[in-house]
Protein backbone atom coordinates (compact mmCIF):
# COMPACT_ATOMS: atom_id res chain seq x y z
CA MET A 1 63.08 105.47 112.74
CA SER A 2 64.27 108.95 113.70
CA ASP A 3 64.46 111.46 110.81
CA MET A 4 67.31 113.96 110.70
CA ASN A 5 67.66 117.20 108.77
CA LEU A 6 71.29 118.10 108.32
CA THR A 7 73.38 120.83 106.74
CA LEU A 8 76.51 119.55 105.02
CA LYS A 9 79.45 121.80 104.24
CA VAL A 10 81.31 119.72 101.68
CA TRP A 11 84.68 120.50 100.11
CA ARG A 12 84.32 120.64 96.31
CA GLN A 13 87.42 120.66 94.11
CA LYS A 14 87.51 119.74 90.43
CA ASN A 15 91.16 118.64 90.44
CA ASN A 16 94.49 119.38 92.06
CA ASN A 17 94.86 122.61 90.09
CA ASP A 18 91.51 123.95 91.29
CA SER A 19 91.58 126.14 94.41
CA GLY A 20 88.49 124.39 95.84
CA ARG A 21 85.73 125.72 98.10
CA PHE A 22 83.05 124.61 100.54
CA GLU A 23 79.49 124.21 99.31
CA SER A 24 76.46 123.77 101.56
CA TYR A 25 73.73 121.16 101.06
CA GLN A 26 70.61 120.12 102.92
CA VAL A 27 70.06 116.40 103.35
CA ALA A 28 67.46 114.25 105.11
CA ALA A 29 68.76 111.11 106.78
CA ASN A 30 67.98 108.77 109.62
CA GLU A 31 70.03 107.61 112.58
CA HIS A 32 70.38 104.06 111.26
CA MET A 33 72.27 105.12 108.13
CA SER A 34 76.01 104.90 107.91
CA PHE A 35 77.82 108.12 107.06
CA LEU A 36 78.52 106.89 103.54
CA GLU A 37 74.87 105.94 103.04
CA MET A 38 73.97 109.50 104.01
CA LEU A 39 76.38 110.74 101.31
CA ASP A 40 74.74 108.33 98.87
CA VAL A 41 71.40 110.02 99.63
CA LEU A 42 72.97 113.43 99.00
CA ASN A 43 74.45 112.30 95.69
CA GLN A 44 71.16 110.79 94.53
CA THR A 45 69.49 114.12 95.23
CA LEU A 46 72.19 115.99 93.29
CA ILE A 47 71.92 113.60 90.35
CA GLU A 48 68.15 114.07 90.22
CA LYS A 49 68.77 117.83 90.09
CA LYS A 50 71.25 117.34 87.21
CA GLU A 51 74.07 118.53 89.47
CA GLU A 52 77.55 117.07 89.90
CA PRO A 53 77.60 114.44 92.68
CA VAL A 54 80.23 114.59 95.42
CA ALA A 55 83.22 112.38 94.65
CA PHE A 56 84.29 110.26 97.61
CA GLU A 57 86.23 107.03 97.86
CA HIS A 58 85.07 103.71 99.31
CA ASP A 59 85.40 100.02 98.69
CA CYS A 60 84.63 97.39 101.33
CA ARG A 61 82.52 99.57 103.66
CA GLU A 62 83.53 97.18 106.43
CA GLY A 63 86.45 99.07 108.02
CA ILE A 64 89.05 96.93 106.28
CA CYS A 65 90.38 98.76 103.23
CA GLY A 66 90.76 102.30 104.62
CA ALA A 67 89.58 103.89 101.37
CA CYS A 68 86.83 105.99 103.00
CA SER A 69 89.23 108.78 103.92
CA MET A 70 87.65 112.10 104.88
CA VAL A 71 87.88 114.63 107.68
CA ILE A 72 84.54 115.10 109.45
CA ASN A 73 84.13 118.14 111.69
CA GLY A 74 87.89 118.43 111.94
CA ARG A 75 88.58 114.78 112.80
CA PRO A 76 89.84 112.10 110.40
CA HIS A 77 87.10 109.46 110.01
CA GLY A 78 84.80 111.46 112.30
CA PRO A 79 84.00 111.68 116.01
CA GLN A 80 83.92 107.98 116.86
CA GLY A 81 87.31 106.61 117.92
CA GLY A 82 88.78 103.41 116.53
CA THR A 83 86.59 103.34 113.41
CA THR A 84 86.77 104.24 109.75
CA THR A 85 84.29 106.59 108.08
CA CYS A 86 82.24 103.71 106.70
CA GLN A 87 81.73 102.40 110.24
CA LEU A 88 80.46 105.78 111.48
CA HIS A 89 76.67 105.95 111.83
CA MET A 90 74.39 108.94 111.85
CA ARG A 91 73.25 108.25 115.41
CA HIS A 92 76.40 110.10 116.45
CA PHE A 93 74.84 113.32 115.10
CA LYS A 94 71.65 115.24 115.88
CA SER A 95 68.99 116.68 113.65
CA GLY A 96 69.86 120.28 112.82
CA ASP A 97 73.62 119.67 112.98
CA THR A 98 76.01 121.22 110.48
CA ILE A 99 78.65 118.71 109.38
CA THR A 100 81.85 119.84 107.69
CA ILE A 101 83.42 117.27 105.37
CA GLU A 102 86.92 117.67 103.91
CA PRO A 103 89.58 115.51 102.22
CA TRP A 104 92.90 114.58 103.83
CA ARG A 105 95.08 117.70 103.93
CA ALA A 106 98.70 116.91 103.03
CA LYS A 107 101.16 117.88 100.32
CA ALA A 108 101.89 114.20 99.75
CA PHE A 109 98.16 113.48 99.26
CA PRO A 110 97.15 115.69 96.30
CA VAL A 111 93.42 116.05 95.75
CA ILE A 112 92.09 114.13 92.76
CA LYS A 113 88.52 115.42 93.08
CA ASP A 114 86.36 116.65 95.97
CA LEU A 115 87.02 114.25 98.87
CA VAL A 116 89.27 111.86 96.93
CA VAL A 117 93.04 112.15 97.35
CA ASP A 118 95.96 110.36 95.73
CA ARG A 119 97.59 108.15 98.38
CA SER A 120 100.01 106.40 96.03
CA SER A 121 102.85 107.89 98.09
CA PHE A 122 102.05 105.17 100.65
CA ASP A 123 102.40 102.56 97.91
CA ARG A 124 105.84 103.88 97.01
CA ILE A 125 106.94 103.69 100.66
CA ILE A 126 105.87 100.03 100.71
CA GLN A 127 107.65 99.39 97.40
CA ALA A 128 110.84 100.90 98.87
CA GLY A 129 111.16 98.16 101.46
CA GLY A 130 107.91 96.87 102.91
CA TYR A 131 108.52 93.28 101.90
CA ILE A 132 110.76 90.27 102.61
CA SER A 133 113.07 89.16 99.81
CA VAL A 134 113.20 85.51 98.75
CA ASN A 135 115.99 85.31 96.20
CA THR A 136 116.17 81.54 95.66
CA GLY A 137 114.09 78.52 96.42
CA GLN A 138 110.84 78.38 98.31
CA ALA A 139 110.06 80.43 101.39
CA GLN A 140 110.36 78.51 104.65
CA ASP A 141 107.11 77.39 106.21
CA GLY A 142 106.16 80.12 108.69
CA ASN A 143 104.73 77.55 111.12
CA ALA A 144 108.16 75.93 111.37
CA ILE A 145 109.78 79.07 112.79
CA PRO A 146 109.34 79.54 116.56
CA ILE A 147 108.37 83.11 117.44
CA GLU A 148 108.17 84.57 120.92
CA LYS A 149 104.54 85.27 121.76
CA ASP A 150 105.13 88.89 122.82
CA LEU A 151 106.94 89.69 119.57
CA ALA A 152 104.25 87.96 117.54
CA LEU A 153 101.55 90.05 119.24
CA GLN A 154 103.47 93.28 118.68
CA ALA A 155 104.01 92.40 115.02
CA PHE A 156 100.34 91.53 114.59
CA ASP A 157 99.24 94.81 116.21
CA ALA A 158 101.47 96.77 113.80
CA ALA A 159 100.23 94.72 110.85
CA THR A 160 96.64 95.82 111.48
CA CYS A 161 97.50 99.18 109.85
CA ILE A 162 95.26 99.58 106.79
CA GLY A 163 97.17 102.50 105.29
CA CYS A 164 94.19 104.84 105.28
CA GLY A 165 96.27 107.96 105.98
CA ALA A 166 94.33 109.21 109.02
CA CYS A 167 97.64 109.58 110.86
CA VAL A 168 98.85 112.00 108.19
CA ALA A 169 95.59 113.95 108.20
CA ALA A 170 95.67 114.25 112.01
CA CYS A 171 99.30 115.33 112.25
CA PRO A 172 99.96 119.12 112.22
CA ASN A 173 103.10 118.32 110.21
CA ALA A 174 101.41 115.81 107.87
CA SER A 175 103.88 113.16 109.05
CA ALA A 176 103.66 109.56 107.86
CA MET A 177 105.79 108.23 110.71
CA LEU A 178 103.03 106.10 112.25
CA PHE A 179 102.22 104.40 108.95
CA THR A 180 105.87 103.82 108.04
CA SER A 181 106.82 102.64 111.52
CA ALA A 182 103.93 100.16 111.55
CA LYS A 183 105.19 98.64 108.30
CA VAL A 184 108.77 98.56 109.59
CA SER A 185 107.69 96.96 112.87
CA HIS A 186 105.40 94.24 111.61
CA LEU A 187 108.16 92.83 109.40
CA GLY A 188 111.22 93.63 111.51
CA LEU A 189 109.86 92.05 114.67
CA LEU A 190 109.56 88.63 113.02
CA PRO A 191 112.52 86.31 112.29
CA GLN A 192 111.67 86.23 108.58
CA GLY A 193 112.00 90.01 108.31
CA GLU A 194 114.69 90.72 110.86
CA VAL A 195 117.50 89.82 108.43
CA GLU A 196 116.72 92.83 106.21
CA HIS A 197 115.45 95.26 108.81
CA SER A 198 118.47 97.62 108.59
CA LYS A 199 118.17 98.01 104.85
CA ARG A 200 114.38 98.16 105.05
CA VAL A 201 114.13 100.99 107.56
CA GLN A 202 116.63 103.16 105.71
CA SER A 203 114.90 102.64 102.36
CA MET A 204 111.39 103.30 103.68
CA VAL A 205 112.37 106.38 105.70
CA LYS A 206 114.25 107.76 102.68
CA GLN A 207 111.19 107.28 100.45
CA MET A 208 108.91 108.80 103.10
CA ASP A 209 111.05 111.94 103.16
CA GLU A 210 111.17 112.12 99.36
CA GLU A 211 107.36 112.01 99.19
CA GLY A 212 107.17 115.28 101.13
CA PHE A 213 105.70 114.10 104.43
CA GLY A 214 106.56 116.20 107.48
CA MET A 215 108.57 115.20 110.52
CA CYS A 216 107.10 113.76 113.71
CA SER A 217 106.83 116.17 116.66
CA ASN A 218 105.31 113.62 119.07
CA THR A 219 101.92 115.27 119.48
CA GLY A 220 100.28 111.83 119.56
CA ALA A 221 97.35 112.92 117.36
CA CYS A 222 98.11 110.10 114.92
CA GLU A 223 97.58 107.43 117.54
CA VAL A 224 94.34 109.05 118.73
CA GLU A 225 92.81 109.21 115.25
CA CYS A 226 94.10 105.89 113.89
CA PRO A 227 91.07 103.65 113.22
CA LYS A 228 93.15 100.58 114.13
CA GLU A 229 94.67 102.28 117.20
CA ILE A 230 98.27 101.71 116.14
CA SER A 231 100.60 102.68 118.99
CA ILE A 232 103.21 105.43 118.66
CA THR A 233 105.66 103.06 120.34
CA ASN A 234 106.21 101.86 116.76
CA ILE A 235 107.64 105.30 115.93
CA ALA A 236 110.10 105.02 118.82
CA ARG A 237 111.05 101.53 117.63
CA MET A 238 111.59 102.73 114.07
CA ASN A 239 113.72 105.67 115.21
CA ARG A 240 115.84 103.33 117.33
CA THR A 241 116.19 100.88 114.45
CA TYR A 242 117.05 103.64 112.00
CA MET A 243 119.73 105.15 114.22
CA GLY A 244 121.14 101.70 114.91
CA SER A 245 121.29 100.86 111.22
CA VAL A 246 123.07 104.13 110.42
CA PHE A 247 125.62 103.88 113.22
CA GLY A 248 126.11 100.13 113.09
CA SER A 249 124.38 99.00 116.29
CA ASP A 250 121.28 97.47 114.71
CA LYS A 251 121.13 94.18 116.58
CA THR A 252 117.56 94.60 117.80
CA VAL A 253 114.35 96.25 116.72
């Protein structure tokens, strides 16, 4: 087991009204630890010293929930592509390294404390239209509806979005276009969701704008940093669907 001595520069912020600052800590870890386990070691040390532990968010620690949102050395979720922070292991660092850890940086993601941000803006975008209405009766059995394989695969790829917010953190404009377009695509591509896709895309884009997210400038950083590798072709699809719904030519998504 290889021991590692690391310097952590961690963003500390009491609440959204606090200006915040970086604080440096020394921590001993080993290459077999996950990044979050290394932070657990740091917090145990701070608690033993009667100091305030670093607040960070996590849940499943299996790369499913997307809660472990933090920027590590300038990259959302860290240096390893296609993974969340909880899937990052310390073998990707060397003893003696200095690691800078920050929260997501976006107006629409206000800091709650330290590395924890409020991502309820994503929830409100979903509430604005990320669903399929069933007004009467029982929903039709999904297995009874024939779906073209290519469309099913595209919808499934979009549906893998876990809503972590890495796309927003990576974007120089703090745009949520990748997240919103993934939600628009995974429903709109399927027969069950196609009926409402015009209304859905307008409602979700409207809510996204109201939350204060920036506009997309096609840098592609969102796709690079997305732990589920969601394609920016979804953004193009959403733009096409949105324009079609506004100007009355919304026959396809």
